[in-house]
Amino acid sequence: MTVLIIGASGFLGTELVRQARAAGRTTAATFHSRPGGASGTSWHQLDLRDASRLDAVLDAVAPTAVINAASGEANWVVTADGPLRLAVATASRGIRLVHVSSDAIFSGADVHYDETALPDPVTPYGAAKATAETAVRLLHPCAVVARTSLIIGDRGSAHERIVHELAVGTREGALFTDDVRCPVHVTDLAAALWELASSDATGVFHLAGPDAVSRHALGVLVARRDGLDPALLPAGRRTDSTLPGALDVRLDSRATQRRLSTRLRGVREFLGKG
């Protein structure tokens, strides 16, 4: 089984490659501007906006499955149109597809969202991710759409870097007390994605931790783990800011968890009780 990891030089992609090497999996990986540092993996430059390049990479690698871990941020052509091209290309070749989506597709109006919930995004990024989901499910009916939340690691994630920068005063801003999510550890998320890629599962899965915390509470947990003073973290409310985005979005992963052997730990467990 050969698996192609798209977006492999990113935070999640790097962990997917690491776990693949540790398990002796045959993998290939793509990068946009700079390849990752993992040896023993074939690296291919790929811009999802380039359909001909996508075809060339798929033909060269001939993967059994593809895991799309690329973010694309708010770039519509990459985040929405790219997965559409990928769904068409993989479906026509009979290649299994696991597409990583985000809780940004939800507005927060319902707070709790299980796998049957329909997208209602309120940001450009959320709209792009929701469009990608729709395209993947329509054009590749046997694909997996894996929605996740804030991805945390062992000091390597963007969220953890923000906490450190705020604590030492090299970044302006605040951590919101009314912005709630269900963080997941990158090792748990990557393991779950590998489990799904290796199975015959199809449809929507939620891969988030069971603990709902605000971004400020998350920052406090990170600070305590890393020996920083939580009192140095500025607090605020999203409702008092001009920043767009959902407030309380809690992915309910219980149905997915019952189908997986990988345990998705809560943030209070993997960051410590504090």
C-alpha atoms as a PDB file:
ATOM      1  CA  MET A   1       0.000   0.000   0.000  1.00  0.00           C
ATOM      2  CA  THR A   2       1.532   3.292  -1.140  1.00  0.00           C
ATOM      3  CA  VAL A   3       0.101   6.464   0.378  1.00  0.00           C
ATOM      4  CA  LEU A   4       0.634   9.977  -0.946  1.00  0.00           C
ATOM      5  CA  ILE A   5       0.522  12.681   1.730  1.00  0.00           C
ATOM      6  CA  ILE A   6      -0.421  16.095   0.369  1.00  0.00           C
ATOM      7  CA  GLY A   7       0.819  19.004   2.452  1.00  0.00           C
ATOM      8  CA  ALA A   8       3.450  16.795   4.060  1.00  0.00           C
ATOM      9  CA  SER A   9       5.785  19.644   5.011  1.00  0.00           C
ATOM     10  CA  GLY A  10       3.140  21.187   7.295  1.00  0.00           C
ATOM     11  CA  PHE A  11       2.606  20.483  10.988  1.00  0.00           C
ATOM     12  CA  LEU A  12       0.127  17.628  10.548  1.00  0.00           C
ATOM     13  CA  GLY A  13       1.804  16.363   7.393  1.00  0.00           C
ATOM     14  CA  THR A  14       5.165  16.105   9.151  1.00  0.00           C
ATOM     15  CA  GLU A  15       3.619  13.899  11.850  1.00  0.00           C
ATOM     16  CA  LEU A  16       1.906  11.732   9.224  1.00  0.00           C
ATOM     17  CA  VAL A  17       5.284  11.173   7.547  1.00  0.00           C
ATOM     18  CA  ARG A  18       6.969  10.439  10.887  1.00  0.00           C
ATOM     19  CA  GLN A  19       4.397   7.818  11.824  1.00  0.00           C
ATOM     20  CA  ALA A  20       4.579   6.279   8.362  1.00  0.00           C
ATOM     21  CA  ARG A  21       8.351   5.865   8.601  1.00  0.00           C
ATOM     22  CA  ALA A  22       8.072   4.420  12.128  1.00  0.00           C
ATOM     23  CA  ALA A  23       5.531   1.852  10.880  1.00  0.00           C
ATOM     24  CA  GLY A  24       7.505   1.000   7.741  1.00  0.00           C
ATOM     25  CA  ARG A  25       4.798   2.310   5.424  1.00  0.00           C
ATOM     26  CA  THR A  26       5.565   3.105   1.802  1.00  0.00           C
ATOM     27  CA  THR A  27       4.834   6.798   1.387  1.00  0.00           C
ATOM     28  CA  ALA A  28       5.356   9.707  -0.947  1.00  0.00           C
ATOM     29  CA  ALA A  29       4.905  13.318   0.061  1.00  0.00           C
ATOM     30  CA  THR A  30       4.180  16.668  -1.535  1.00  0.00           C
ATOM     31  CA  PHE A  31       5.332  20.160  -0.692  1.00  0.00           C
ATOM     32  CA  HIS A  32       4.454  23.572  -2.056  1.00  0.00           C
ATOM     33  CA  SER A  33       7.643  25.599  -1.620  1.00  0.00           C
ATOM     34  CA  ARG A  34      10.114  23.526   0.409  1.00  0.00           C
ATOM     35  CA  PRO A  35      10.339  19.758   0.996  1.00  0.00           C
ATOM     36  CA  GLY A  36      10.280  18.324   4.476  1.00  0.00           C
ATOM     37  CA  GLY A  37      13.369  16.959   6.140  1.00  0.00           C
ATOM     38  CA  ALA A  38      12.329  13.317   6.388  1.00  0.00           C
ATOM     39  CA  SER A  39      14.587  10.913   4.566  1.00  0.00           C
ATOM     40  CA  GLY A  40      13.332   7.683   3.039  1.00  0.00           C
ATOM     41  CA  THR A  41      10.307   9.466   1.589  1.00  0.00           C
ATOM     42  CA  SER A  42      10.026  10.605  -2.015  1.00  0.00           C
ATOM     43  CA  TRP A  43       9.147  14.300  -2.201  1.00  0.00           C
ATOM     44  CA  HIS A  44       7.202  15.914  -5.036  1.00  0.00           C
ATOM     45  CA  GLN A  45       6.514  19.602  -5.579  1.00  0.00           C
ATOM     46  CA  LEU A  46       2.781  20.229  -5.959  1.00  0.00           C
ATOM     47  CA  ASP A  47       0.525  23.246  -6.242  1.00  0.00           C
ATOM     48  CA  LEU A  48      -3.103  22.145  -6.053  1.00  0.00           C
ATOM     49  CA  ARG A  49      -3.987  24.980  -8.415  1.00  0.00           C
ATOM     50  CA  ASP A  50      -2.119  23.145 -11.185  1.00  0.00           C
ATOM     51  CA  ALA A  51      -4.276  20.276 -12.466  1.00  0.00           C
ATOM     52  CA  SER A  52      -1.625  18.998 -14.884  1.00  0.00           C
ATOM     53  CA  ARG A  53       0.982  18.841 -12.119  1.00  0.00           C
ATOM     54  CA  LEU A  54      -1.466  16.980  -9.881  1.00  0.00           C
ATOM     55  CA  ASP A  55      -2.021  14.413 -12.629  1.00  0.00           C
ATOM     56  CA  ALA A  56       1.737  14.056 -13.109  1.00  0.00           C
ATOM     57  CA  VAL A  57       2.375  13.427  -9.404  1.00  0.00           C
ATOM     58  CA  LEU A  58      -0.455  10.880  -9.128  1.00  0.00           C
ATOM     59  CA  ASP A  59       0.790   9.048 -12.223  1.00  0.00           C
ATOM     60  CA  ALA A  60       4.383   9.043 -10.965  1.00  0.00           C
ATOM     61  CA  VAL A  61       3.554   7.818  -7.454  1.00  0.00           C
ATOM     62  CA  ALA A  62       0.594   5.574  -8.353  1.00  0.00           C
ATOM     63  CA  PRO A  63      -0.669   5.622  -4.753  1.00  0.00           C
ATOM     64  CA  THR A  64      -3.242   3.287  -3.268  1.00  0.00           C
ATOM     65  CA  ALA A  65      -4.508   6.143  -1.104  1.00  0.00           C
ATOM     66  CA  VAL A  66      -4.080   9.889  -0.692  1.00  0.00           C
ATOM     67  CA  ILE A  67      -4.297  11.833   2.572  1.00  0.00           C
ATOM     68  CA  ASN A  68      -4.915  15.524   1.921  1.00  0.00           C
ATOM     69  CA  ALA A  69      -3.491  17.359   4.927  1.00  0.00           C
ATOM     70  CA  ALA A  70      -2.985  20.675   3.128  1.00  0.00           C
ATOM     71  CA  SER A  71      -4.506  23.719   4.795  1.00  0.00           C
ATOM     72  CA  GLY A  72      -4.524  26.373   2.082  1.00  0.00           C
ATOM     73  CA  GLU A  73      -5.814  28.914   4.620  1.00  0.00           C
ATOM     74  CA  ALA A  74      -8.289  31.396   3.099  1.00  0.00           C
ATOM     75  CA  ASN A  75      -7.016  31.006  -0.475  1.00  0.00           C
ATOM     76  CA  TRP A  76     -10.182  29.853  -2.236  1.00  0.00           C
ATOM     77  CA  VAL A  77      -8.395  28.439  -5.281  1.00  0.00           C
ATOM     78  CA  VAL A  78      -6.216  26.224  -3.088  1.00  0.00           C
ATOM     79  CA  THR A  79      -8.606  25.386  -0.233  1.00  0.00           C
ATOM     80  CA  ALA A  80     -11.840  24.920  -2.206  1.00  0.00           C
ATOM     81  CA  ASP A  81     -10.893  24.279  -5.839  1.00  0.00           C
ATOM     82  CA  GLY A  82      -7.806  22.202  -5.035  1.00  0.00           C
ATOM     83  CA  PRO A  83      -9.668  19.392  -3.236  1.00  0.00           C
ATOM     84  CA  LEU A  84     -12.237  19.403  -6.057  1.00  0.00           C
ATOM     85  CA  ARG A  85      -9.451  18.668  -8.562  1.00  0.00           C
ATOM     86  CA  LEU A  86      -8.012  16.080  -6.210  1.00  0.00           C
ATOM     87  CA  ALA A  87     -11.374  14.334  -5.799  1.00  0.00           C
ATOM     88  CA  VAL A  88     -11.841  14.095  -9.557  1.00  0.00           C
ATOM     89  CA  ALA A  89      -8.308  12.849 -10.159  1.00  0.00           C
ATOM     90  CA  THR A  90      -8.327  10.218  -7.413  1.00  0.00           C
ATOM     91  CA  ALA A  91     -11.847   8.962  -8.139  1.00  0.00           C
ATOM     92  CA  SER A  92     -11.057   8.477 -11.831  1.00  0.00           C
ATOM     93  CA  ARG A  93      -7.992   6.412 -10.899  1.00  0.00           C
ATOM     94  CA  GLY A  94      -9.708   4.383  -8.178  1.00  0.00           C
ATOM     95  CA  ILE A  95      -7.471   5.876  -5.479  1.00  0.00           C
ATOM     96  CA  ARG A  96      -8.737   6.045  -1.900  1.00  0.00           C
ATOM     97  CA  LEU A  97      -9.007   9.615  -0.550  1.00  0.00           C
ATOM     98  CA  VAL A  98      -8.915  10.911   3.014  1.00  0.00           C
ATOM     99  CA  HIS A  99      -9.603  14.648   3.092  1.00  0.00           C
ATOM    100  CA  VAL A 100      -8.871  16.640   6.262  1.00  0.00           C
ATOM    101  CA  SER A 101     -11.489  19.292   6.996  1.00  0.00           C
ATOM    102  CA  SER A 102     -12.048  21.725   9.853  1.00  0.00           C
ATOM    103  CA  ASP A 103     -14.524  22.832  12.503  1.00  0.00           C
ATOM    104  CA  ALA A 104     -14.329  26.232  10.770  1.00  0.00           C
ATOM    105  CA  ILE A 105     -17.203  25.029   8.572  1.00  0.00           C
ATOM    106  CA  PHE A 106     -19.591  25.668  11.491  1.00  0.00           C
ATOM    107  CA  SER A 107     -21.044  28.946  12.760  1.00  0.00           C
ATOM    108  CA  GLY A 108     -21.309  27.960  16.421  1.00  0.00           C
ATOM    109  CA  ALA A 109     -25.054  28.597  16.470  1.00  0.00           C
ATOM    110  CA  ASP A 110     -25.717  25.010  17.553  1.00  0.00           C
ATOM    111  CA  VAL A 111     -22.557  24.679  19.715  1.00  0.00           C
ATOM    112  CA  HIS A 112     -22.485  20.866  19.531  1.00  0.00           C
ATOM    113  CA  TYR A 113     -21.878  19.303  16.099  1.00  0.00           C
ATOM    114  CA  ASP A 114     -21.834  15.594  15.325  1.00  0.00           C
ATOM    115  CA  GLU A 115     -20.942  13.927  12.027  1.00  0.00           C
ATOM    116  CA  THR A 116     -24.417  14.512  10.572  1.00  0.00           C
ATOM    117  CA  ALA A 117     -24.265  18.311  11.021  1.00  0.00           C
ATOM    118  CA  LEU A 118     -24.423  20.408   7.866  1.00  0.00           C
ATOM    119  CA  PRO A 119     -21.903  23.206   7.286  1.00  0.00           C
ATOM    120  CA  ASP A 120     -22.932  26.802   7.971  1.00  0.00           C
ATOM    121  CA  PRO A 121     -19.647  28.765   7.791  1.00  0.00           C
ATOM    122  CA  VAL A 122     -19.247  32.416   8.763  1.00  0.00           C
ATOM    123  CA  THR A 123     -15.690  33.085   7.501  1.00  0.00           C
ATOM    124  CA  PRO A 124     -14.048  32.874   4.058  1.00  0.00           C
ATOM    125  CA  TYR A 125     -11.821  30.037   5.269  1.00  0.00           C
ATOM    126  CA  GLY A 126     -14.799  28.146   6.650  1.00  0.00           C
ATOM    127  CA  ALA A 127     -16.690  28.644   3.392  1.00  0.00           C
ATOM    128  CA  ALA A 128     -13.735  27.323   1.390  1.00  0.00           C
ATOM    129  CA  LYS A 129     -13.405  24.253   3.612  1.00  0.00           C
ATOM    130  CA  ALA A 130     -17.164  23.618   3.442  1.00  0.00           C
ATOM    131  CA  THR A 131     -17.081  23.845  -0.351  1.00  0.00           C
ATOM    132  CA  ALA A 132     -14.179  21.407  -0.439  1.00  0.00           C
ATOM    133  CA  GLU A 133     -16.127  18.948   1.714  1.00  0.00           C
ATOM    134  CA  THR A 134     -19.137  19.149  -0.595  1.00  0.00           C
ATOM    135  CA  ALA A 135     -16.976  18.611  -3.675  1.00  0.00           C
ATOM    136  CA  VAL A 136     -15.150  15.635  -2.174  1.00  0.00           C
ATOM    137  CA  ARG A 137     -18.331  13.917  -1.010  1.00  0.00           C
ATOM    138  CA  LEU A 138     -20.078  14.513  -4.347  1.00  0.00           C
ATOM    139  CA  LEU A 139     -17.238  13.625  -6.704  1.00  0.00           C
ATOM    140  CA  HIS A 140     -15.621  10.822  -4.662  1.00  0.00           C
ATOM    141  CA  PRO A 141     -18.451   9.062  -2.776  1.00  0.00           C
ATOM    142  CA  CYS A 142     -16.077   6.501  -1.244  1.00  0.00           C
ATOM    143  CA  ALA A 143     -13.823   9.178   0.276  1.00  0.00           C
ATOM    144  CA  VAL A 144     -13.384   9.996   3.960  1.00  0.00           C
ATOM    145  CA  VAL A 145     -13.925  13.557   5.174  1.00  0.00           C
ATOM    146  CA  ALA A 146     -12.196  13.961   8.537  1.00  0.00           C
ATOM    147  CA  ARG A 147     -13.132  17.121  10.432  1.00  0.00           C
ATOM    148  CA  THR A 148     -10.796  18.249  13.164  1.00  0.00           C
ATOM    149  CA  SER A 149     -10.259  21.173  15.540  1.00  0.00           C
ATOM    150  CA  LEU A 150      -7.250  23.022  16.986  1.00  0.00           C
ATOM    151  CA  ILE A 151      -4.188  20.816  16.474  1.00  0.00           C
ATOM    152  CA  ILE A 152      -1.697  20.867  19.357  1.00  0.00           C
ATOM    153  CA  GLY A 153       1.686  19.175  19.649  1.00  0.00           C
ATOM    154  CA  ASP A 154       4.702  19.140  21.896  1.00  0.00           C
ATOM    155  CA  ARG A 155       5.571  22.837  21.454  1.00  0.00           C
ATOM    156  CA  GLY A 156       5.444  22.660  17.655  1.00  0.00           C
ATOM    157  CA  SER A 157       2.022  23.992  16.694  1.00  0.00           C
ATOM    158  CA  ALA A 158       1.054  27.510  15.673  1.00  0.00           C
ATOM    159  CA  HIS A 159      -1.260  27.760  18.687  1.00  0.00           C
ATOM    160  CA  GLU A 160       1.595  26.970  21.081  1.00  0.00           C
ATOM    161  CA  ARG A 161       3.901  29.472  19.384  1.00  0.00           C
ATOM    162  CA  ILE A 162       1.265  32.185  19.815  1.00  0.00           C
ATOM    163  CA  VAL A 163       1.089  31.466  23.551  1.00  0.00           C
ATOM    164  CA  HIS A 164       4.872  31.803  23.887  1.00  0.00           C
ATOM    165  CA  GLU A 165       4.958  35.019  21.845  1.00  0.00           C
ATOM    166  CA  LEU A 166       2.168  36.587  23.904  1.00  0.00           C
ATOM    167  CA  ALA A 167       3.826  35.549  27.165  1.00  0.00           C
ATOM    168  CA  VAL A 168       7.182  37.139  26.283  1.00  0.00           C
ATOM    169  CA  GLY A 169       5.625  40.214  24.690  1.00  0.00           C
ATOM    170  CA  THR A 170       6.771  39.696  21.091  1.00  0.00           C
ATOM    171  CA  ARG A 171       3.194  39.489  19.853  1.00  0.00           C
ATOM    172  CA  GLU A 172       0.230  41.774  20.340  1.00  0.00           C
ATOM    173  CA  GLY A 173      -3.304  40.520  20.851  1.00  0.00           C
ATOM    174  CA  ALA A 174      -5.276  38.438  23.291  1.00  0.00           C
ATOM    175  CA  LEU A 175      -6.537  34.920  23.824  1.00  0.00           C
ATOM    176  CA  PHE A 176     -10.319  34.871  23.759  1.00  0.00           C
ATOM    177  CA  THR A 177     -12.253  33.530  26.725  1.00  0.00           C
ATOM    178  CA  ASP A 178     -15.456  33.094  24.715  1.00  0.00           C
ATOM    179  CA  ASP A 179     -13.925  31.226  21.744  1.00  0.00           C
ATOM    180  CA  VAL A 180     -14.318  27.518  22.518  1.00  0.00           C
ATOM    181  CA  ARG A 181     -12.979  24.503  20.623  1.00  0.00           C
ATOM    182  CA  CYS A 182     -12.072  20.834  21.213  1.00  0.00           C
ATOM    183  CA  PRO A 183      -8.295  20.560  20.663  1.00  0.00           C
ATOM    184  CA  VAL A 184      -6.634  17.348  19.512  1.00  0.00           C
ATOM    185  CA  HIS A 185      -3.029  16.192  19.786  1.00  0.00           C
ATOM    186  CA  VAL A 186      -1.255  15.896  16.449  1.00  0.00           C
ATOM    187  CA  THR A 187      -0.032  12.355  17.191  1.00  0.00           C
ATOM    188  CA  ASP A 188      -3.579  11.176  17.940  1.00  0.00           C
ATOM    189  CA  LEU A 189      -4.941  12.916  14.846  1.00  0.00           C
ATOM    190  CA  ALA A 190      -2.284  11.475  12.551  1.00  0.00           C
ATOM    191  CA  ALA A 191      -2.772   7.961  13.961  1.00  0.00           C
ATOM    192  CA  ALA A 192      -6.529   8.222  13.423  1.00  0.00           C
ATOM    193  CA  LEU A 193      -6.012   9.397   9.842  1.00  0.00           C
ATOM    194  CA  TRP A 194      -3.720   6.454   9.147  1.00  0.00           C
ATOM    195  CA  GLU A 195      -6.329   4.124  10.631  1.00  0.00           C
ATOM    196  CA  LEU A 196      -9.014   5.578   8.363  1.00  0.00           C
ATOM    197  CA  ALA A 197      -6.738   5.491   5.310  1.00  0.00           C
ATOM    198  CA  SER A 198      -6.040   1.806   5.916  1.00  0.00           C
ATOM    199  CA  SER A 199      -9.712   0.906   6.326  1.00  0.00           C
ATOM    200  CA  ASP A 200     -12.671   0.733   3.970  1.00  0.00           C
ATOM    201  CA  ALA A 201     -14.561   3.446   5.869  1.00  0.00           C
ATOM    202  CA  THR A 202     -16.356   6.174   3.955  1.00  0.00           C
ATOM    203  CA  GLY A 203     -18.199   9.360   4.874  1.00  0.00           C
ATOM    204  CA  VAL A 204     -17.704  11.992   7.572  1.00  0.00           C
ATOM    205  CA  PHE A 205     -15.661  11.466  10.727  1.00  0.00           C
ATOM    206  CA  HIS A 206     -14.923  13.836  13.614  1.00  0.00           C
ATOM    207  CA  LEU A 207     -11.380  13.735  14.982  1.00  0.00           C
ATOM    208  CA  ALA A 208     -11.303  16.113  17.940  1.00  0.00           C
ATOM    209  CA  GLY A 209     -10.620  15.713  21.620  1.00  0.00           C
ATOM    210  CA  PRO A 210     -13.411  15.302  24.199  1.00  0.00           C
ATOM    211  CA  ASP A 211     -12.487  18.444  26.183  1.00  0.00           C
ATOM    212  CA  ALA A 212     -14.013  21.793  25.213  1.00  0.00           C
ATOM    213  CA  VAL A 213     -11.833  24.735  26.262  1.00  0.00           C
ATOM    214  CA  SER A 214     -11.566  28.407  25.386  1.00  0.00           C
ATOM    215  CA  ARG A 215      -8.494  29.649  23.573  1.00  0.00           C
ATOM    216  CA  HIS A 216      -7.452  31.407  26.770  1.00  0.00           C
ATOM    217  CA  ALA A 217      -7.880  28.267  28.869  1.00  0.00           C
ATOM    218  CA  LEU A 218      -5.855  26.390  26.241  1.00  0.00           C
ATOM    219  CA  GLY A 219      -3.152  29.043  26.511  1.00  0.00           C
ATOM    220  CA  VAL A 220      -3.049  28.652  30.287  1.00  0.00           C
ATOM    221  CA  LEU A 221      -2.565  24.885  29.935  1.00  0.00           C
ATOM    222  CA  VAL A 222       0.240  25.395  27.422  1.00  0.00           C
ATOM    223  CA  ALA A 223       1.907  28.022  29.616  1.00  0.00           C
ATOM    224  CA  ARG A 224       1.826  25.813  32.697  1.00  0.00           C
ATOM    225  CA  ARG A 225       3.267  22.863  30.789  1.00  0.00           C
ATOM    226  CA  ASP A 226       6.077  25.005  29.398  1.00  0.00           C
ATOM    227  CA  GLY A 227       6.957  26.825  32.617  1.00  0.00           C
ATOM    228  CA  LEU A 228       5.496  30.176  31.622  1.00  0.00           C
ATOM    229  CA  ASP A 229       3.468  32.445  33.874  1.00  0.00           C
ATOM    230  CA  PRO A 230      -0.195  32.190  32.764  1.00  0.00           C
ATOM    231  CA  ALA A 231      -0.782  35.654  34.223  1.00  0.00           C
ATOM    232  CA  LEU A 232       1.262  37.059  31.343  1.00  0.00           C
ATOM    233  CA  LEU A 233      -1.323  35.917  28.804  1.00  0.00           C
ATOM    234  CA  PRO A 234      -3.684  38.748  27.833  1.00  0.00           C
ATOM    235  CA  ALA A 235      -7.352  37.772  27.833  1.00  0.00           C
ATOM    236  CA  GLY A 236     -10.176  39.180  25.752  1.00  0.00           C
ATOM    237  CA  ARG A 237     -13.491  38.343  24.157  1.00  0.00           C
ATOM    238  CA  ARG A 238     -14.093  37.757  20.489  1.00  0.00           C
ATOM    239  CA  THR A 239     -17.506  39.395  20.871  1.00  0.00           C
ATOM    240  CA  ASP A 240     -15.739  42.625  21.863  1.00  0.00           C
ATOM    241  CA  SER A 241     -13.418  42.502  18.835  1.00  0.00           C
ATOM    242  CA  THR A 242     -13.899  43.118  15.138  1.00  0.00           C
ATOM    243  CA  LEU A 243     -12.491  39.717  14.212  1.00  0.00           C
ATOM    244  CA  PRO A 244     -14.916  37.432  12.376  1.00  0.00           C
ATOM    245  CA  GLY A 245     -15.438  33.827  13.351  1.00  0.00           C
ATOM    246  CA  ALA A 246     -17.562  31.403  15.267  1.00  0.00           C
ATOM    247  CA  LEU A 247     -17.589  31.419  19.040  1.00  0.00           C
ATOM    248  CA  ASP A 248     -18.454  28.071  20.627  1.00  0.00           C
ATOM    249  CA  VAL A 249     -17.903  25.141  18.234  1.00  0.00           C
ATOM    250  CA  ARG A 250     -17.646  21.707  19.824  1.00  0.00           C
ATOM    251  CA  LEU A 251     -17.079  18.739  17.533  1.00  0.00           C
ATOM    252  CA  ASP A 252     -18.794  15.670  18.961  1.00  0.00           C
ATOM    253  CA  SER A 253     -16.431  12.820  18.095  1.00  0.00           C
ATOM    254  CA  ARG A 254     -18.123  10.073  20.103  1.00  0.00           C
ATOM    255  CA  ALA A 255     -19.561   8.203  17.107  1.00  0.00           C
ATOM    256  CA  THR A 256     -16.190   8.281  15.352  1.00  0.00           C
ATOM    257  CA  GLN A 257     -14.345   7.250  18.506  1.00  0.00           C
ATOM    258  CA  ARG A 258     -16.499   4.122  18.795  1.00  0.00           C
ATOM    259  CA  ARG A 259     -15.292   3.084  15.326  1.00  0.00           C
ATOM    260  CA  LEU A 260     -11.596   3.725  15.954  1.00  0.00           C
ATOM    261  CA  SER A 261      -8.966   1.909  17.962  1.00  0.00           C
ATOM    262  CA  THR A 262      -6.965   5.161  18.165  1.00  0.00           C
ATOM    263  CA  ARG A 263      -7.934   7.050  21.323  1.00  0.00           C
ATOM    264  CA  LEU A 264      -8.395  10.784  20.913  1.00  0.00           C
ATOM    265  CA  ARG A 265      -7.190  12.284  24.177  1.00  0.00           C
ATOM    266  CA  GLY A 266      -8.605  15.410  25.751  1.00  0.00           C
ATOM    267  CA  VAL A 267      -6.456  18.532  26.010  1.00  0.00           C
ATOM    268  CA  ARG A 268      -6.428  18.410  29.804  1.00  0.00           C
ATOM    269  CA  GLU A 269      -4.887  14.955  29.586  1.00  0.00           C
ATOM    270  CA  PHE A 270      -2.154  15.613  27.047  1.00  0.00           C
ATOM    271  CA  LEU A 271      -1.246  19.057  28.398  1.00  0.00           C
ATOM    272  CA  GLY A 272      -1.566  18.010  32.020  1.00  0.00           C
ATOM    273  CA  LYS A 273      -4.079  18.963  34.659  1.00  0.00           C
ATOM    274  CA  GLY A 274      -2.206  22.163  35.546  1.00  0.00           C
END
